[in-house]
């Protein structure tokens, strides 16, 4: 594991239920999601498709526009929870896997947003949580308190990472 950027992986190493992320804009932030297999990712974004850091729009995703990589529309969106192809999720960035059950030492030495000491639930439970949020949503998007990393962490563990999250809107499994 690279302590600064996380765990880069190849597509062929992906497994359904993996918490994945892609660094954006000079490694300032990362976009997180749950890989569900068949080249599809469930992830959480602002319903209007814009993400901002310090007031500047850094990413814009429009669920009504055709996918720039595969040509098709987003498969399904509910209040910011979206299913899209892996290429659209990555948007040209490197694929990384978020690691679970790491040691406290590695956790404290690693960059925030790349790993956790928490244990992950089995892949089938992770995928059930993620897919239930397609129908139920994940609450109101908030860059600091209810974002894509919080969504993926909830799907993997069933627990809120910080603050009051939108997980109450999902069917808790």
Protein backbone atom coordinates (compact mmCIF):
# COMPACT_ATOMS: atom_id res chain seq x y z
CA UNK A 1 0.00 0.00 0.00
CA UNK A 2 1.31 3.44 -0.94
CA UNK A 3 0.87 5.48 2.23
CA UNK A 4 0.21 8.68 0.27
CA UNK A 5 -2.20 7.59 -2.45
CA UNK A 6 -3.58 4.21 -1.37
CA UNK A 7 -3.83 0.85 -3.06
CA UNK A 8 -3.73 1.05 -6.86
CA UNK A 9 -5.20 -2.08 -8.45
CA UNK A 10 -5.82 -3.45 -11.92
CA UNK A 11 -9.31 -4.07 -13.27
CA UNK A 12 -8.78 -7.82 -13.34
CA UNK A 13 -8.17 -7.74 -9.56
CA UNK A 14 -11.58 -6.17 -8.83
CA UNK A 15 -14.12 -8.25 -6.95
CA UNK A 16 -17.84 -7.52 -6.46
CA UNK A 17 -18.30 -5.73 -3.15
CA UNK A 18 -14.95 -3.87 -3.33
CA UNK A 19 -14.89 -0.28 -2.06
CA UNK A 20 -13.03 1.54 -4.82
CA UNK A 21 -11.96 5.12 -5.35
CA UNK A 22 -10.27 7.35 -7.89
CA UNK A 23 -8.21 10.41 -6.97
CA UNK A 24 -9.35 13.60 -8.66
CA UNK A 25 -7.83 17.03 -9.26
CA UNK A 26 -4.16 16.60 -8.29
CA UNK A 27 -4.98 14.16 -5.46
CA UNK A 28 -6.98 16.83 -3.61
CA UNK A 29 -9.94 14.51 -3.15
CA UNK A 30 -11.15 11.07 -4.25
CA UNK A 31 -14.46 9.77 -5.54
CA UNK A 32 -15.59 6.52 -3.82
CA UNK A 33 -18.02 3.79 -4.81
CA UNK A 34 -18.89 0.10 -4.53
CA UNK A 35 -18.00 -2.20 -7.41
CA UNK A 36 -20.92 -4.60 -7.98
CA UNK A 37 -19.51 -6.63 -10.87
CA UNK A 38 -20.19 -6.62 -14.61
CA UNK A 39 -18.17 -3.39 -14.97
CA UNK A 40 -20.69 -1.45 -12.79
CA UNK A 41 -20.22 0.83 -9.78
CA UNK A 42 -22.77 2.24 -7.34
CA UNK A 43 -21.70 5.62 -5.99
CA UNK A 44 -23.15 8.71 -4.30
CA UNK A 45 -22.96 12.23 -5.71
CA UNK A 46 -24.86 15.45 -5.28
CA UNK A 47 -28.26 15.10 -6.97
CA UNK A 48 -27.50 18.02 -9.27
CA UNK A 49 -24.29 16.24 -10.30
CA UNK A 50 -21.83 18.88 -9.06
CA UNK A 51 -19.16 18.43 -6.45
CA UNK A 52 -17.40 21.40 -4.98
CA UNK A 53 -14.34 21.95 -2.84
CA UNK A 54 -14.12 25.35 -1.15
CA UNK A 55 -16.84 26.72 -3.41
CA UNK A 56 -15.19 25.73 -6.72
CA UNK A 57 -16.93 23.12 -8.85
CA UNK A 58 -14.39 20.34 -9.39
CA UNK A 59 -16.56 17.69 -10.99
CA UNK A 60 -19.84 17.79 -12.83
CA UNK A 61 -21.91 14.70 -13.55
CA UNK A 62 -25.30 14.93 -15.20
CA UNK A 63 -27.45 11.80 -14.90
CA UNK A 64 -29.58 12.96 -17.84
CA UNK A 65 -26.62 13.29 -20.23
CA UNK A 66 -25.17 10.35 -22.16
CA UNK A 67 -22.22 8.60 -20.60
CA UNK A 68 -19.05 10.10 -22.10
CA UNK A 69 -17.23 6.74 -22.10
CA UNK A 70 -19.81 4.09 -23.01
CA UNK A 71 -22.36 6.31 -24.79
CA UNK A 72 -25.35 5.19 -22.73
CA UNK A 73 -27.31 7.06 -20.07
CA UNK A 74 -26.64 6.42 -16.41
CA UNK A 75 -28.47 3.23 -15.59
CA UNK A 76 -30.28 4.43 -12.51
CA UNK A 77 -30.14 7.40 -10.15
CA UNK A 78 -32.07 8.16 -6.99
CA UNK A 79 -31.29 11.28 -5.03
CA UNK A 80 -27.60 11.08 -5.90
CA UNK A 81 -27.10 7.29 -5.63
CA UNK A 82 -26.07 6.25 -9.14
CA UNK A 83 -25.16 3.10 -11.05
CA UNK A 84 -22.63 3.73 -13.78
CA UNK A 85 -19.98 1.89 -15.75
CA UNK A 86 -16.49 1.64 -14.28
CA UNK A 87 -15.04 3.90 -16.99
CA UNK A 88 -17.49 6.68 -16.16
CA UNK A 89 -16.78 6.29 -12.44
CA UNK A 90 -13.01 6.47 -13.00
CA UNK A 91 -13.25 9.33 -15.51
CA UNK A 92 -9.72 8.63 -16.73
CA UNK A 93 -8.21 8.35 -13.22
CA UNK A 94 -6.40 5.39 -11.65
CA UNK A 95 -8.38 2.66 -9.90
CA UNK A 96 -7.69 2.15 -6.17
CA UNK A 97 -9.15 -0.21 -3.59
CA UNK A 98 -9.96 1.05 -0.08
CA UNK A 99 -8.49 -1.39 2.43
CA UNK A 100 -10.31 -2.67 5.54
CA UNK A 101 -9.01 -4.35 8.70
CA UNK A 102 -5.64 -2.60 8.49
CA UNK A 103 -3.47 -2.20 11.59
CA UNK A 104 -3.76 0.97 13.65
CA UNK A 105 -0.18 1.82 12.72
CA UNK A 106 -0.88 1.61 8.99
CA UNK A 107 -4.11 3.55 9.47
CA UNK A 108 -2.35 6.45 11.22
CA UNK A 109 0.51 6.45 8.69
CA UNK A 110 -1.79 6.41 5.64
CA UNK A 111 -3.51 9.24 3.89
CA UNK A 112 -7.11 9.82 4.98
CA UNK A 113 -9.65 8.16 2.71
CA UNK A 114 -7.57 5.12 1.75
CA UNK A 115 -8.11 2.58 4.52
CA UNK A 116 -9.84 1.73 7.81
CA UNK A 117 -9.30 -0.47 10.85
CA UNK A 118 -12.98 -1.48 10.59
CA UNK A 119 -13.91 -4.94 9.33
CA UNK A 120 -15.83 -5.28 6.09
CA UNK A 121 -18.97 -7.37 5.86
CA UNK A 122 -19.17 -10.14 3.23
CA UNK A 123 -19.51 -8.97 -0.40
CA UNK A 124 -23.13 -10.11 -0.75
CA UNK A 125 -24.19 -7.91 2.21
CA UNK A 126 -22.16 -4.96 0.86
CA UNK A 127 -23.88 -5.23 -2.52
CA UNK A 128 -27.34 -5.57 -0.90
CA UNK A 129 -26.75 -2.37 1.09
CA UNK A 130 -25.54 -0.49 -1.98
CA UNK A 131 -28.42 -1.65 -4.20
CA UNK A 132 -31.02 -0.84 -1.52
CA UNK A 133 -29.76 2.74 -1.54
CA UNK A 134 -30.49 2.99 -5.29
CA UNK A 135 -34.18 2.82 -4.41
CA UNK A 136 -34.09 4.51 -1.00
CA UNK A 137 -31.36 7.13 -1.45
CA UNK A 138 -28.67 8.00 1.07
CA UNK A 139 -29.97 11.25 2.49
CA UNK A 140 -28.90 14.72 1.51
CA UNK A 141 -25.41 14.98 0.05
CA UNK A 142 -23.02 17.02 2.17
CA UNK A 143 -19.35 17.25 1.17
CA UNK A 144 -18.17 17.22 4.79
CA UNK A 145 -20.74 15.00 6.55
CA UNK A 146 -22.52 12.71 4.08
CA UNK A 147 -20.50 12.07 0.94
CA UNK A 148 -19.38 9.28 -1.40
CA UNK A 149 -16.79 7.94 1.05
CA UNK A 150 -19.39 7.82 3.84
CA UNK A 151 -21.75 5.96 1.48
CA UNK A 152 -19.13 3.34 0.53
CA UNK A 153 -18.03 2.92 4.17
CA UNK A 154 -21.64 2.37 5.21
CA UNK A 155 -22.13 -0.21 2.45
CA UNK A 156 -18.99 -2.09 3.57
CA UNK A 157 -19.60 -2.02 7.34
CA UNK A 158 -23.21 -1.06 8.04
CA UNK A 159 -21.91 1.75 10.25
CA UNK A 160 -21.85 5.51 9.99
CA UNK A 161 -18.34 6.84 9.56
CA UNK A 162 -18.92 10.23 11.10
CA UNK A 163 -21.85 12.41 12.08
CA UNK A 164 -25.48 11.69 11.26
CA UNK A 165 -25.54 10.10 7.83
CA UNK A 166 -28.24 9.38 5.34
CA UNK A 167 -28.05 5.67 6.15
CA UNK A 168 -31.43 5.91 7.90
CA UNK A 169 -32.87 6.43 4.42
CA UNK A 170 -31.45 3.08 3.27
CA UNK A 171 -32.79 -0.29 4.27
CA UNK A 172 -30.29 -1.31 6.92
CA UNK A 173 -29.22 -4.90 6.40
